[in-house]
Amino acid sequence: MNLENPAMPSLVPPSDAAPQAAPAAPNGTRHLGTVRVDASHLAKSYCNVVTANGTRDEVVLQFGINQDWDLDRPEKAVTLHTRVVMNPHAARRLQARLSQVLADYEARFGGLQR
């Protein structure tokens, strides 16, 4: 069960034991079951720049690298390398998860400057 949001399925690595019956979720939410995740083909990349745009039907995130971040230049060179397109429902779940991750980070290491 996903403890942050009981209505969301749990992510279980494929090596875990046999599935178990899902407990009832609090507040009348429905547990959607367990999702098995295969990360064997997961691509990895680093970014320090992200842009976001949206339409009624989708949210588009573009990730890239600013290699001039530490140089005092009036113009910065940014190379975008990955575009992720999702529906607004997935974007809302991403927003909620990122908010929780950052709250956990700040509780552990202190606040981030805006």
PDB file of N, CA and C in Angstrom:
ATOM      1  N   MET A   1       0.843  -1.178   0.000  1.00  0.00           N
ATOM      2  CA  MET A   1       0.000   0.000   0.000  1.00  0.00           C
ATOM      3  C   MET A   1       0.884   1.236   0.000  1.00  0.00           C
ATOM      4  N   ASN A   2       0.498   2.237  -0.739  1.00  0.00           N
ATOM      5  CA  ASN A   2       1.213   3.498  -0.790  1.00  0.00           C
ATOM      6  C   ASN A   2       0.785   4.315   0.421  1.00  0.00           C
ATOM      7  N   LEU A   3       1.685   4.530   1.368  1.00  0.00           N
ATOM      8  CA  LEU A   3       1.322   5.182   2.618  1.00  0.00           C
ATOM      9  C   LEU A   3       1.041   6.665   2.437  1.00  0.00           C
ATOM     10  N   GLU A   4       1.673   7.311   1.413  1.00  0.00           N
ATOM     11  CA  GLU A   4       1.418   8.722   1.186  1.00  0.00           C
ATOM     12  C   GLU A   4       0.012   8.944   0.640  1.00  0.00           C
ATOM     13  N   ASN A   5      -0.475   8.022  -0.189  1.00  0.00           N
ATOM     14  CA  ASN A   5      -1.797   8.153  -0.797  1.00  0.00           C
ATOM     15  C   ASN A   5      -2.387   6.760  -0.930  1.00  0.00           C
ATOM     16  N   PRO A   6      -3.233   6.329  -0.005  1.00  0.00           N
ATOM     17  CA  PRO A   6      -3.762   4.965  -0.024  1.00  0.00           C
ATOM     18  C   PRO A   6      -4.548   4.633  -1.288  1.00  0.00           C
ATOM     19  N   ALA A   7      -5.023   5.631  -2.029  1.00  0.00           N
ATOM     20  CA  ALA A   7      -5.755   5.346  -3.254  1.00  0.00           C
ATOM     21  C   ALA A   7      -4.822   4.986  -4.404  1.00  0.00           C
ATOM     22  N   MET A   8      -3.532   5.270  -4.248  1.00  0.00           N
ATOM     23  CA  MET A   8      -2.556   4.965  -5.295  1.00  0.00           C
ATOM     24  C   MET A   8      -2.019   3.557  -5.097  1.00  0.00           C
ATOM     25  N   PRO A   9      -1.741   2.857  -6.185  1.00  0.00           N
ATOM     26  CA  PRO A   9      -1.172   1.519  -6.043  1.00  0.00           C
ATOM     27  C   PRO A   9       0.239   1.581  -5.479  1.00  0.00           C
ATOM     28  N   SER A  10       0.642   0.504  -4.848  1.00  0.00           N
ATOM     29  CA  SER A  10       1.999   0.396  -4.338  1.00  0.00           C
ATOM     30  C   SER A  10       2.928   0.015  -5.479  1.00  0.00           C
ATOM     31  N   LEU A  11       4.172   0.440  -5.372  1.00  0.00           N
ATOM     32  CA  LEU A  11       5.175   0.021  -6.329  1.00  0.00           C
ATOM     33  C   LEU A  11       6.029  -1.032  -5.654  1.00  0.00           C
ATOM     34  N   VAL A  12       6.044  -2.216  -6.214  1.00  0.00           N
ATOM     35  CA  VAL A  12       6.744  -3.342  -5.622  1.00  0.00           C
ATOM     36  C   VAL A  12       7.771  -3.845  -6.613  1.00  0.00           C
ATOM     37  N   PRO A  13       9.044  -3.918  -6.220  1.00  0.00           N
ATOM     38  CA  PRO A  13      10.034  -4.467  -7.132  1.00  0.00           C
ATOM     39  C   PRO A  13       9.662  -5.896  -7.536  1.00  0.00           C
ATOM     40  N   PRO A  14      10.030  -6.328  -8.762  1.00  0.00           N
ATOM     41  CA  PRO A  14       9.620  -7.638  -9.243  1.00  0.00           C
ATOM     42  C   PRO A  14      10.145  -8.806  -8.422  1.00  0.00           C
ATOM     43  N   SER A  15      11.166  -8.602  -7.601  1.00  0.00           N
ATOM     44  CA  SER A  15      11.739  -9.698  -6.834  1.00  0.00           C
ATOM     45  C   SER A  15      11.005  -9.971  -5.526  1.00  0.00           C
ATOM     46  N   ASP A  16      10.022  -9.161  -5.174  1.00  0.00           N
ATOM     47  CA  ASP A  16       9.325  -9.350  -3.900  1.00  0.00           C
ATOM     48  C   ASP A  16       8.510 -10.638  -3.885  1.00  0.00           C
ATOM     49  N   ALA A  17       8.111 -11.022  -2.697  1.00  0.00           N
ATOM     50  CA  ALA A  17       7.371 -12.263  -2.490  1.00  0.00           C
ATOM     51  C   ALA A  17       5.996 -12.225  -3.143  1.00  0.00           C
ATOM     52  N   ALA A  18       5.272 -13.310  -3.011  1.00  0.00           N
ATOM     53  CA  ALA A  18       3.945 -13.452  -3.610  1.00  0.00           C
ATOM     54  C   ALA A  18       3.013 -12.354  -3.125  1.00  0.00           C
ATOM     55  N   PRO A  19       2.039 -11.965  -3.968  1.00  0.00           N
ATOM     56  CA  PRO A  19       1.120 -10.897  -3.568  1.00  0.00           C
ATOM     57  C   PRO A  19       0.282 -11.272  -2.366  1.00  0.00           C
ATOM     58  N   GLN A  20      -0.067 -10.251  -1.584  1.00  0.00           N
ATOM     59  CA  GLN A  20      -0.911 -10.435  -0.412  1.00  0.00           C
ATOM     60  C   GLN A  20      -2.203  -9.665  -0.615  1.00  0.00           C
ATOM     61  N   ALA A  21      -3.217 -10.031   0.124  1.00  0.00           N
ATOM     62  CA  ALA A  21      -4.490  -9.316   0.030  1.00  0.00           C
ATOM     63  C   ALA A  21      -4.291  -7.885   0.522  1.00  0.00           C
ATOM     64  N   ALA A  22      -4.871  -6.932  -0.201  1.00  0.00           N
ATOM     65  CA  ALA A  22      -4.725  -5.522   0.152  1.00  0.00           C
ATOM     66  C   ALA A  22      -5.646  -5.170   1.307  1.00  0.00           C
ATOM     67  N   PRO A  23      -5.135  -4.475   2.335  1.00  0.00           N
ATOM     68  CA  PRO A  23      -5.988  -4.054   3.438  1.00  0.00           C
ATOM     69  C   PRO A  23      -6.921  -2.932   2.977  1.00  0.00           C
ATOM     70  N   ALA A  24      -7.994  -2.749   3.702  1.00  0.00           N
ATOM     71  CA  ALA A  24      -8.933  -1.677   3.367  1.00  0.00           C
ATOM     72  C   ALA A  24      -8.253  -0.330   3.564  1.00  0.00           C
ATOM     73  N   ALA A  25      -8.462   0.576   2.620  1.00  0.00           N
ATOM     74  CA  ALA A  25      -7.862   1.896   2.702  1.00  0.00           C
ATOM     75  C   ALA A  25      -8.721   2.792   3.586  1.00  0.00           C
ATOM     76  N   PRO A  26      -8.091   3.749   4.317  1.00  0.00           N
ATOM     77  CA  PRO A  26      -8.853   4.644   5.185  1.00  0.00           C
ATOM     78  C   PRO A  26      -9.661   5.657   4.374  1.00  0.00           C
ATOM     79  N   ASN A  27     -10.604   6.297   5.032  1.00  0.00           N
ATOM     80  CA  ASN A  27     -11.393   7.386   4.457  1.00  0.00           C
ATOM     81  C   ASN A  27     -12.206   6.980   3.233  1.00  0.00           C
ATOM     82  N   GLY A  28     -12.560   5.733   3.129  1.00  0.00           N
ATOM     83  CA  GLY A  28     -13.410   5.295   2.032  1.00  0.00           C
ATOM     84  C   GLY A  28     -12.728   5.259   0.679  1.00  0.00           C
ATOM     85  N   THR A  29     -11.406   5.441   0.632  1.00  0.00           N
ATOM     86  CA  THR A  29     -10.718   5.361  -0.651  1.00  0.00           C
ATOM     87  C   THR A  29     -10.556   3.905  -1.041  1.00  0.00           C
ATOM     88  N   ARG A  30     -10.362   3.682  -2.292  1.00  0.00           N
ATOM     89  CA  ARG A  30     -10.268   2.314  -2.788  1.00  0.00           C
ATOM     90  C   ARG A  30      -8.815   2.011  -3.135  1.00  0.00           C
ATOM     91  N   HIS A  31      -8.324   0.879  -2.694  1.00  0.00           N
ATOM     92  CA  HIS A  31      -6.959   0.446  -2.996  1.00  0.00           C
ATOM     93  C   HIS A  31      -6.973  -0.222  -4.356  1.00  0.00           C
ATOM     94  N   LEU A  32      -6.086   0.215  -5.230  1.00  0.00           N
ATOM     95  CA  LEU A  32      -6.083  -0.266  -6.609  1.00  0.00           C
ATOM     96  C   LEU A  32      -5.226  -1.502  -6.814  1.00  0.00           C
ATOM     97  N   GLY A  33      -4.642  -2.037  -5.779  1.00  0.00           N
ATOM     98  CA  GLY A  33      -3.834  -3.239  -5.927  1.00  0.00           C
ATOM     99  C   GLY A  33      -2.351  -2.920  -5.957  1.00  0.00           C
ATOM    100  N   THR A  34      -1.582  -3.891  -6.368  1.00  0.00           N
ATOM    101  CA  THR A  34      -0.137  -3.783  -6.418  1.00  0.00           C
ATOM    102  C   THR A  34       0.319  -3.668  -7.860  1.00  0.00           C
ATOM    103  N   VAL A  35       1.305  -2.834  -8.097  1.00  0.00           N
ATOM    104  CA  VAL A  35       1.887  -2.678  -9.423  1.00  0.00           C
ATOM    105  C   VAL A  35       3.304  -3.230  -9.373  1.00  0.00           C
ATOM    106  N   ARG A  36       3.611  -4.147 -10.251  1.00  0.00           N
ATOM    107  CA  ARG A  36       4.970  -4.679 -10.352  1.00  0.00           C
ATOM    108  C   ARG A  36       5.744  -3.790 -11.312  1.00  0.00           C
ATOM    109  N   VAL A  37       6.934  -3.362 -10.920  1.00  0.00           N
ATOM    110  CA  VAL A  37       7.736  -2.433 -11.703  1.00  0.00           C
ATOM    111  C   VAL A  37       8.988  -3.140 -12.201  1.00  0.00           C
ATOM    112  N   ASP A  38       9.206  -3.080 -13.525  1.00  0.00           N
ATOM    113  CA  ASP A  38      10.422  -3.604 -14.142  1.00  0.00           C
ATOM    114  C   ASP A  38      11.298  -2.404 -14.501  1.00  0.00           C
ATOM    115  N   ALA A  39      12.355  -2.170 -13.758  1.00  0.00           N
ATOM    116  CA  ALA A  39      13.245  -1.038 -13.995  1.00  0.00           C
ATOM    117  C   ALA A  39      14.510  -1.454 -14.732  1.00  0.00           C
ATOM    118  N   SER A  40      14.513  -2.627 -15.348  1.00  0.00           N
ATOM    119  CA  SER A  40      15.724  -3.118 -15.996  1.00  0.00           C
ATOM    120  C   SER A  40      16.103  -2.311 -17.236  1.00  0.00           C
ATOM    121  N   HIS A  41      15.169  -1.601 -17.852  1.00  0.00           N
ATOM    122  CA  HIS A  41      15.468  -0.812 -19.048  1.00  0.00           C
ATOM    123  C   HIS A  41      15.358   0.695 -18.769  1.00  0.00           C
ATOM    124  N   LEU A  42      15.406   1.052 -17.522  1.00  0.00           N
ATOM    125  CA  LEU A  42      15.249   2.444 -17.119  1.00  0.00           C
ATOM    126  C   LEU A  42      16.441   3.280 -17.586  1.00  0.00           C
ATOM    127  N   ALA A  43      16.167   4.350 -18.313  1.00  0.00           N
ATOM    128  CA  ALA A  43      17.221   5.265 -18.751  1.00  0.00           C
ATOM    129  C   ALA A  43      17.508   6.261 -17.633  1.00  0.00           C
ATOM    130  N   LYS A  44      18.757   6.625 -17.486  1.00  0.00           N
ATOM    131  CA  LYS A  44      19.156   7.557 -16.438  1.00  0.00           C
ATOM    132  C   LYS A  44      19.748   8.803 -17.090  1.00  0.00           C
ATOM    133  N   SER A  45      19.414   9.957 -16.557  1.00  0.00           N
ATOM    134  CA  SER A  45      20.015  11.190 -17.046  1.00  0.00           C
ATOM    135  C   SER A  45      19.967  12.225 -15.930  1.00  0.00           C
ATOM    136  N   TYR A  46      20.782  13.232 -16.054  1.00  0.00           N
ATOM    137  CA  TYR A  46      20.846  14.317 -15.072  1.00  0.00           C
ATOM    138  C   TYR A  46      20.283  15.576 -15.711  1.00  0.00           C
ATOM    139  N   CYS A  47      19.603  16.389 -14.920  1.00  0.00           N
ATOM    140  CA  CYS A  47      19.168  17.687 -15.425  1.00  0.00           C
ATOM    141  C   CYS A  47      19.264  18.722 -14.313  1.00  0.00           C
ATOM    142  N   ASN A  48      19.477  19.968 -14.721  1.00  0.00           N
ATOM    143  CA  ASN A  48      19.415  21.086 -13.780  1.00  0.00           C
ATOM    144  C   ASN A  48      18.516  22.201 -14.325  1.00  0.00           C
ATOM    145  N   VAL A  49      17.794  21.884 -15.414  1.00  0.00           N
ATOM    146  CA  VAL A  49      16.837  22.806 -16.014  1.00  0.00           C
ATOM    147  C   VAL A  49      15.578  22.022 -16.359  1.00  0.00           C
ATOM    148  N   VAL A  50      14.425  22.598 -16.057  1.00  0.00           N
ATOM    149  CA  VAL A  50      13.164  21.973 -16.465  1.00  0.00           C
ATOM    150  C   VAL A  50      12.207  23.075 -16.897  1.00  0.00           C
ATOM    151  N   THR A  51      11.492  22.819 -17.974  1.00  0.00           N
ATOM    152  CA  THR A  51      10.428  23.725 -18.405  1.00  0.00           C
ATOM    153  C   THR A  51       9.128  22.941 -18.372  1.00  0.00           C
ATOM    154  N   ALA A  52       8.032  23.649 -18.200  1.00  0.00           N
ATOM    155  CA  ALA A  52       6.723  23.000 -18.156  1.00  0.00           C
ATOM    156  C   ALA A  52       5.725  23.834 -18.945  1.00  0.00           C
ATOM    157  N   ASN A  53       4.942  23.149 -19.750  1.00  0.00           N
ATOM    158  CA  ASN A  53       3.872  23.771 -20.527  1.00  0.00           C
ATOM    159  C   ASN A  53       2.681  22.843 -20.476  1.00  0.00           C
ATOM    160  N   GLY A  54       1.525  23.354 -20.808  1.00  0.00           N
ATOM    161  CA  GLY A  54       0.362  22.490 -20.789  1.00  0.00           C
ATOM    162  C   GLY A  54      -0.743  22.967 -21.705  1.00  0.00           C
ATOM    163  N   THR A  55      -1.594  22.033 -22.057  1.00  0.00           N
ATOM    164  CA  THR A  55      -2.825  22.298 -22.773  1.00  0.00           C
ATOM    165  C   THR A  55      -3.951  21.697 -21.944  1.00  0.00           C
ATOM    166  N   ARG A  56      -5.140  21.734 -22.468  1.00  0.00           N
ATOM    167  CA  ARG A  56      -6.254  21.126 -21.743  1.00  0.00           C
ATOM    168  C   ARG A  56      -6.049  19.626 -21.539  1.00  0.00           C
ATOM    169  N   ASP A  57      -5.402  18.970 -22.491  1.00  0.00           N
ATOM    170  CA  ASP A  57      -5.301  17.516 -22.482  1.00  0.00           C
ATOM    171  C   ASP A  57      -3.973  16.952 -22.016  1.00  0.00           C
ATOM    172  N   GLU A  58      -2.920  17.780 -21.938  1.00  0.00           N
ATOM    173  CA  GLU A  58      -1.629  17.227 -21.563  1.00  0.00           C
ATOM    174  C   GLU A  58      -0.732  18.272 -20.920  1.00  0.00           C
ATOM    175  N   VAL A  59       0.219  17.757 -20.171  1.00  0.00           N
ATOM    176  CA  VAL A  59       1.263  18.566 -19.555  1.00  0.00           C
ATOM    177  C   VAL A  59       2.582  18.079 -20.131  1.00  0.00           C
ATOM    178  N   VAL A  60       3.425  19.020 -20.550  1.00  0.00           N
ATOM    179  CA  VAL A  60       4.702  18.678 -21.179  1.00  0.00           C
ATOM    180  C   VAL A  60       5.827  19.208 -20.310  1.00  0.00           C
ATOM    181  N   LEU A  61       6.709  18.325 -19.890  1.00  0.00           N
ATOM    182  CA  LEU A  61       7.914  18.684 -19.150  1.00  0.00           C
ATOM    183  C   LEU A  61       9.110  18.433 -20.054  1.00  0.00           C
ATOM    184  N   GLN A  62      10.027  19.400 -20.114  1.00  0.00           N
ATOM    185  CA  GLN A  62      11.260  19.234 -20.881  1.00  0.00           C
ATOM    186  C   GLN A  62      12.430  19.418 -19.929  1.00  0.00           C
ATOM    187  N   PHE A  63      13.355  18.477 -19.965  1.00  0.00           N
ATOM    188  CA  PHE A  63      14.492  18.468 -19.056  1.00  0.00           C
ATOM    189  C   PHE A  63      15.779  18.694 -19.836  1.00  0.00           C
ATOM    190  N   GLY A  64      16.724  19.385 -19.209  1.00  0.00           N
ATOM    191  CA  GLY A  64      17.981  19.651 -19.889  1.00  0.00           C
ATOM    192  C   GLY A  64      19.073  20.043 -18.933  1.00  0.00           C
ATOM    193  N   ILE A  65      20.156  20.527 -19.531  1.00  0.00           N
ATOM    194  CA  ILE A  65      21.348  20.882 -18.765  1.00  0.00           C
ATOM    195  C   ILE A  65      21.801  22.283 -19.139  1.00  0.00           C
ATOM    196  N   ASN A  66      22.032  23.105 -18.131  1.00  0.00           N
ATOM    197  CA  ASN A  66      22.661  24.408 -18.290  1.00  0.00           C
ATOM    198  C   ASN A  66      24.113  24.211 -17.874  1.00  0.00           C
ATOM    199  N   GLN A  67      25.004  24.151 -18.847  1.00  0.00           N
ATOM    200  CA  GLN A  67      26.409  23.912 -18.533  1.00  0.00           C
ATOM    201  C   GLN A  67      27.150  25.194 -18.166  1.00  0.00           C
ATOM    202  N   ASP A  68      26.479  26.345 -18.299  1.00  0.00           N
ATOM    203  CA  ASP A  68      27.101  27.624 -17.970  1.00  0.00           C
ATOM    204  C   ASP A  68      26.617  28.172 -16.632  1.00  0.00           C
ATOM    205  N   TRP A  69      26.020  27.337 -15.794  1.00  0.00           N
ATOM    206  CA  TRP A  69      25.386  27.807 -14.562  1.00  0.00           C
ATOM    207  C   TRP A  69      26.336  28.572 -13.657  1.00  0.00           C
ATOM    208  N   ASP A  70      27.612  28.233 -13.690  1.00  0.00           N
ATOM    209  CA  ASP A  70      28.563  28.869 -12.778  1.00  0.00           C
ATOM    210  C   ASP A  70      29.360  29.998 -13.435  1.00  0.00           C
ATOM    211  N   LEU A  71      29.075  30.296 -14.698  1.00  0.00           N
ATOM    212  CA  LEU A  71      29.799  31.351 -15.396  1.00  0.00           C
ATOM    213  C   LEU A  71      28.960  32.627 -15.414  1.00  0.00           C
ATOM    214  N   ASP A  72      29.633  33.744 -15.279  1.00  0.00           N
ATOM    215  CA  ASP A  72      28.934  35.033 -15.265  1.00  0.00           C
ATOM    216  C   ASP A  72      28.811  35.538 -16.705  1.00  0.00           C
ATOM    217  N   ARG A  73      27.862  34.928 -17.436  1.00  0.00           N
ATOM    218  CA  ARG A  73      27.611  35.321 -18.821  1.00  0.00           C
ATOM    219  C   ARG A  73      26.188  35.853 -18.929  1.00  0.00           C
ATOM    220  N   PRO A  74      25.968  36.862 -19.789  1.00  0.00           N
ATOM    221  CA  PRO A  74      24.606  37.378 -19.951  1.00  0.00           C
ATOM    222  C   PRO A  74      23.679  36.377 -20.647  1.00  0.00           C
ATOM    223  N   GLU A  75      24.235  35.490 -21.439  1.00  0.00           N
ATOM    224  CA  GLU A  75      23.430  34.492 -22.142  1.00  0.00           C
ATOM    225  C   GLU A  75      23.895  33.097 -21.732  1.00  0.00           C
ATOM    226  N   LYS A  76      22.954  32.259 -21.376  1.00  0.00           N
ATOM    227  CA  LYS A  76      23.268  30.896 -20.938  1.00  0.00           C
ATOM    228  C   LYS A  76      22.937  29.908 -22.053  1.00  0.00           C
ATOM    229  N   ALA A  77      23.715  28.852 -22.163  1.00  0.00           N
ATOM    230  CA  ALA A  77      23.465  27.801 -23.148  1.00  0.00           C
ATOM    231  C   ALA A  77      22.808  26.617 -22.448  1.00  0.00           C
ATOM    232  N   VAL A  78      21.584  26.300 -22.848  1.00  0.00           N
ATOM    233  CA  VAL A  78      20.836  25.183 -22.270  1.00  0.00           C
ATOM    234  C   VAL A  78      20.589  24.157 -23.359  1.00  0.00           C
ATOM    235  N   THR A  79      20.871  22.903 -23.055  1.00  0.00           N
ATOM    236  CA  THR A  79      20.608  21.807 -23.980  1.00  0.00           C
ATOM    237  C   THR A  79      19.493  20.958 -23.404  1.00  0.00           C
ATOM    238  N   LEU A  80      18.343  20.919 -24.082  1.00  0.00           N
ATOM    239  CA  LEU A  80      17.238  20.059 -23.647  1.00  0.00           C
ATOM    240  C   LEU A  80      17.467  18.660 -24.194  1.00  0.00           C
ATOM    241  N   HIS A  81      17.257  17.645 -23.353  1.00  0.00           N
ATOM    242  CA  HIS A  81      17.517  16.280 -23.797  1.00  0.00           C
ATOM    243  C   HIS A  81      16.345  15.319 -23.620  1.00  0.00           C
ATOM    244  N   THR A  82      15.349  15.658 -22.815  1.00  0.00           N
ATOM    245  CA  THR A  82      14.243  14.727 -22.574  1.00  0.00           C
ATOM    246  C   THR A  82      12.931  15.490 -22.496  1.00  0.00           C
ATOM    247  N   ARG A  83      11.917  14.949 -23.160  1.00  0.00           N
ATOM    248  CA  ARG A  83      10.560  15.521 -23.078  1.00  0.00           C
ATOM    249  C   ARG A  83       9.644  14.431 -22.538  1.00  0.00           C
ATOM    250  N   VAL A  84       8.866  14.782 -21.513  1.00  0.00           N
ATOM    251  CA  VAL A  84       7.894  13.868 -20.921  1.00  0.00           C
ATOM    252  C   VAL A  84       6.520  14.505 -21.080  1.00  0.00           C
ATOM    253  N   VAL A  85       5.605  13.761 -21.707  1.00  0.00           N
ATOM    254  CA  VAL A  85       4.240  14.236 -21.917  1.00  0.00           C
ATOM    255  C   VAL A  85       3.318  13.349 -21.085  1.00  0.00           C
ATOM    256  N   MET A  86       2.418  13.989 -20.313  1.00  0.00           N
ATOM    257  CA  MET A  86       1.503  13.218 -19.470  1.00  0.00           C
ATOM    258  C   MET A  86       0.143  13.905 -19.441  1.00  0.00           C
ATOM    259  N   ASN A  87      -0.856  13.165 -19.005  1.00  0.00           N
ATOM    260  CA  ASN A  87      -2.172  13.785 -18.871  1.00  0.00           C
ATOM    261  C   ASN A  87      -2.213  14.573 -17.556  1.00  0.00           C
ATOM    262  N   PRO A  88      -3.181  15.489 -17.414  1.00  0.00           N
ATOM    263  CA  PRO A  88      -3.231  16.313 -16.199  1.00  0.00           C
ATOM    264  C   PRO A  88      -3.386  15.513 -14.905  1.00  0.00           C
ATOM    265  N   HIS A  89      -4.040  14.360 -14.958  1.00  0.00           N
ATOM    266  CA  HIS A  89      -4.197  13.539 -13.748  1.00  0.00           C
ATOM    267  C   HIS A  89      -2.843  13.012 -13.283  1.00  0.00           C
ATOM    268  N   ALA A  90      -2.030  12.546 -14.225  1.00  0.00           N
ATOM    269  CA  ALA A  90      -0.684  12.080 -13.874  1.00  0.00           C
ATOM    270  C   ALA A  90       0.172  13.244 -13.378  1.00  0.00           C
ATOM    271  N   ALA A  91       0.009  14.418 -13.985  1.00  0.00           N
ATOM    272  CA  ALA A  91       0.762  15.595 -13.548  1.00  0.00           C
ATOM    273  C   ALA A  91       0.395  15.978 -12.112  1.00  0.00           C
ATOM    274  N   ARG A  92      -0.874  15.862 -11.754  1.00  0.00           N
ATOM    275  CA  ARG A  92      -1.308  16.171 -10.386  1.00  0.00           C
ATOM    276  C   ARG A  92      -0.682  15.190  -9.397  1.00  0.00           C
ATOM    277  N   ARG A  93      -0.634  13.906  -9.762  1.00  0.00           N
ATOM    278  CA  ARG A  93       0.007  12.912  -8.881  1.00  0.00           C
ATOM    279  C   ARG A  93       1.498  13.195  -8.749  1.00  0.00           C
ATOM    280  N   LEU A  94       2.139  13.601  -9.856  1.00  0.00           N
ATOM    281  CA  LEU A  94       3.551  13.961  -9.808  1.00  0.00           C
ATOM    282  C   LEU A  94       3.760  15.165  -8.891  1.00  0.00           C
ATOM    283  N   GLN A  95       2.904  16.159  -9.017  1.00  0.00           N
ATOM    284  CA  GLN A  95       3.000  17.342  -8.165  1.00  0.00           C
ATOM    285  C   GLN A  95       2.889  16.967  -6.688  1.00  0.00           C
ATOM    286  N   ALA A  96       1.937  16.117  -6.356  1.00  0.00           N
ATOM    287  CA  ALA A  96       1.753  15.704  -4.962  1.00  0.00           C
ATOM    288  C   ALA A  96       2.984  14.952  -4.452  1.00  0.00           C
ATOM    289  N   ARG A  97       3.510  14.069  -5.271  1.00  0.00           N
ATOM    290  CA  ARG A  97       4.676  13.289  -4.851  1.00  0.00           C
ATOM    291  C   ARG A  97       5.914  14.168  -4.703  1.00  0.00           C
ATOM    292  N   LEU A  98       6.131  15.082  -5.656  1.00  0.00           N
ATOM    293  CA  LEU A  98       7.268  15.992  -5.552  1.00  0.00           C
ATOM    294  C   LEU A  98       7.154  16.885  -4.318  1.00  0.00           C
ATOM    295  N   SER A  99       5.952  17.342  -4.016  1.00  0.00           N
ATOM    296  CA  SER A  99       5.740  18.156  -2.810  1.00  0.00           C
ATOM    297  C   SER A  99       6.137  17.379  -1.568  1.00  0.00           C
ATOM    298  N   GLN A 100       5.763  16.111  -1.498  1.00  0.00           N
ATOM    299  CA  GLN A 100       6.111  15.286  -0.339  1.00  0.00           C
ATOM    300  C   GLN A 100       7.610  15.027  -0.261  1.00  0.00           C
ATOM    301  N   VAL A 101       8.234  14.740  -1.410  1.00  0.00           N
ATOM    302  CA  VAL A 101       9.680  14.499  -1.440  1.00  0.00           C
ATOM    303  C   VAL A 101      10.431  15.736  -0.970  1.00  0.00           C
ATOM    304  N   LEU A 102      10.022  16.913  -1.444  1.00  0.00           N
ATOM    305  CA  LEU A 102      10.697  18.143  -1.027  1.00  0.00           C
ATOM    306  C   LEU A 102      10.436  18.486   0.439  1.00  0.00           C
ATOM    307  N   ALA A 103       9.243  18.222   0.925  1.00  0.00           N
ATOM    308  CA  ALA A 103       8.963  18.440   2.344  1.00  0.00           C
ATOM    309  C   ALA A 103       9.836  17.525   3.199  1.00  0.00           C
ATOM    310  N   ASP A 104       9.981  16.272   2.803  1.00  0.00           N
ATOM    311  CA  ASP A 104      10.858  15.341   3.515  1.00  0.00           C
ATOM    312  C   ASP A 104      12.309  15.818   3.480  1.00  0.00           C
ATOM    313  N   TYR A 105      12.761  16.281   2.311  1.00  0.00           N
ATOM    314  CA  TYR A 105      14.127  16.783   2.159  1.00  0.00           C
ATOM    315  C   TYR A 105      14.364  17.962   3.098  1.00  0.00           C
ATOM    316  N   GLU A 106      13.439  18.934   3.082  1.00  0.00           N
ATOM    317  CA  GLU A 106      13.603  20.121   3.920  1.00  0.00           C
ATOM    318  C   GLU A 106      13.527  19.795   5.402  1.00  0.00           C
ATOM    319  N   ALA A 107      12.734  18.818   5.788  1.00  0.00           N
ATOM    320  CA  ALA A 107      12.686  18.401   7.183  1.00  0.00           C
ATOM    321  C   ALA A 107      14.014  17.793   7.607  1.00  0.00           C
ATOM    322  N   ARG A 108      14.653  17.129   6.696  1.00  0.00           N
ATOM    323  CA  ARG A 108      15.924  16.464   7.015  1.00  0.00           C
ATOM    324  C   ARG A 108      17.121  17.406   6.910  1.00  0.00           C
ATOM    325  N   PHE A 109      17.160  18.248   5.849  1.00  0.00           N
ATOM    326  CA  PHE A 109      18.359  19.034   5.552  1.00  0.00           C
ATOM    327  C   PHE A 109      18.177  20.544   5.674  1.00  0.00           C
ATOM    328  N   GLY A 110      16.976  21.009   5.951  1.00  0.00           N
ATOM    329  CA  GLY A 110      16.721  22.445   6.021  1.00  0.00           C
ATOM    330  C   GLY A 110      16.067  22.968   4.751  1.00  0.00           C
ATOM    331  N   GLY A 111      15.495  24.151   4.855  1.00  0.00           N
ATOM    332  CA  GLY A 111      14.740  24.732   3.751  1.00  0.00           C
ATOM    333  C   GLY A 111      15.592  25.068   2.540  1.00  0.00           C
ATOM    334  N   LEU A 112      14.933  25.064   1.392  1.00  0.00           N
ATOM    335  CA  LEU A 112      15.563  25.462   0.138  1.00  0.00           C
ATOM    336  C   LEU A 112      15.217  26.907  -0.162  1.00  0.00           C
ATOM    337  N   GLN A 113      16.174  27.630  -0.736  1.00  0.00           N
ATOM    338  CA  GLN A 113      15.893  29.000  -1.168  1.00  0.00           C
ATOM    339  C   GLN A 113      15.069  28.961  -2.434  1.00  0.00           C
ATOM    340  N   ARG A 114      14.178  29.921  -2.572  1.00  0.00           N
ATOM    341  CA  ARG A 114      13.356  29.999  -3.796  1.00  0.00           C
ATOM    342  C   ARG A 114      13.984  30.915  -4.792  1.00  0.00           C
TER     343      ARG A 114
END
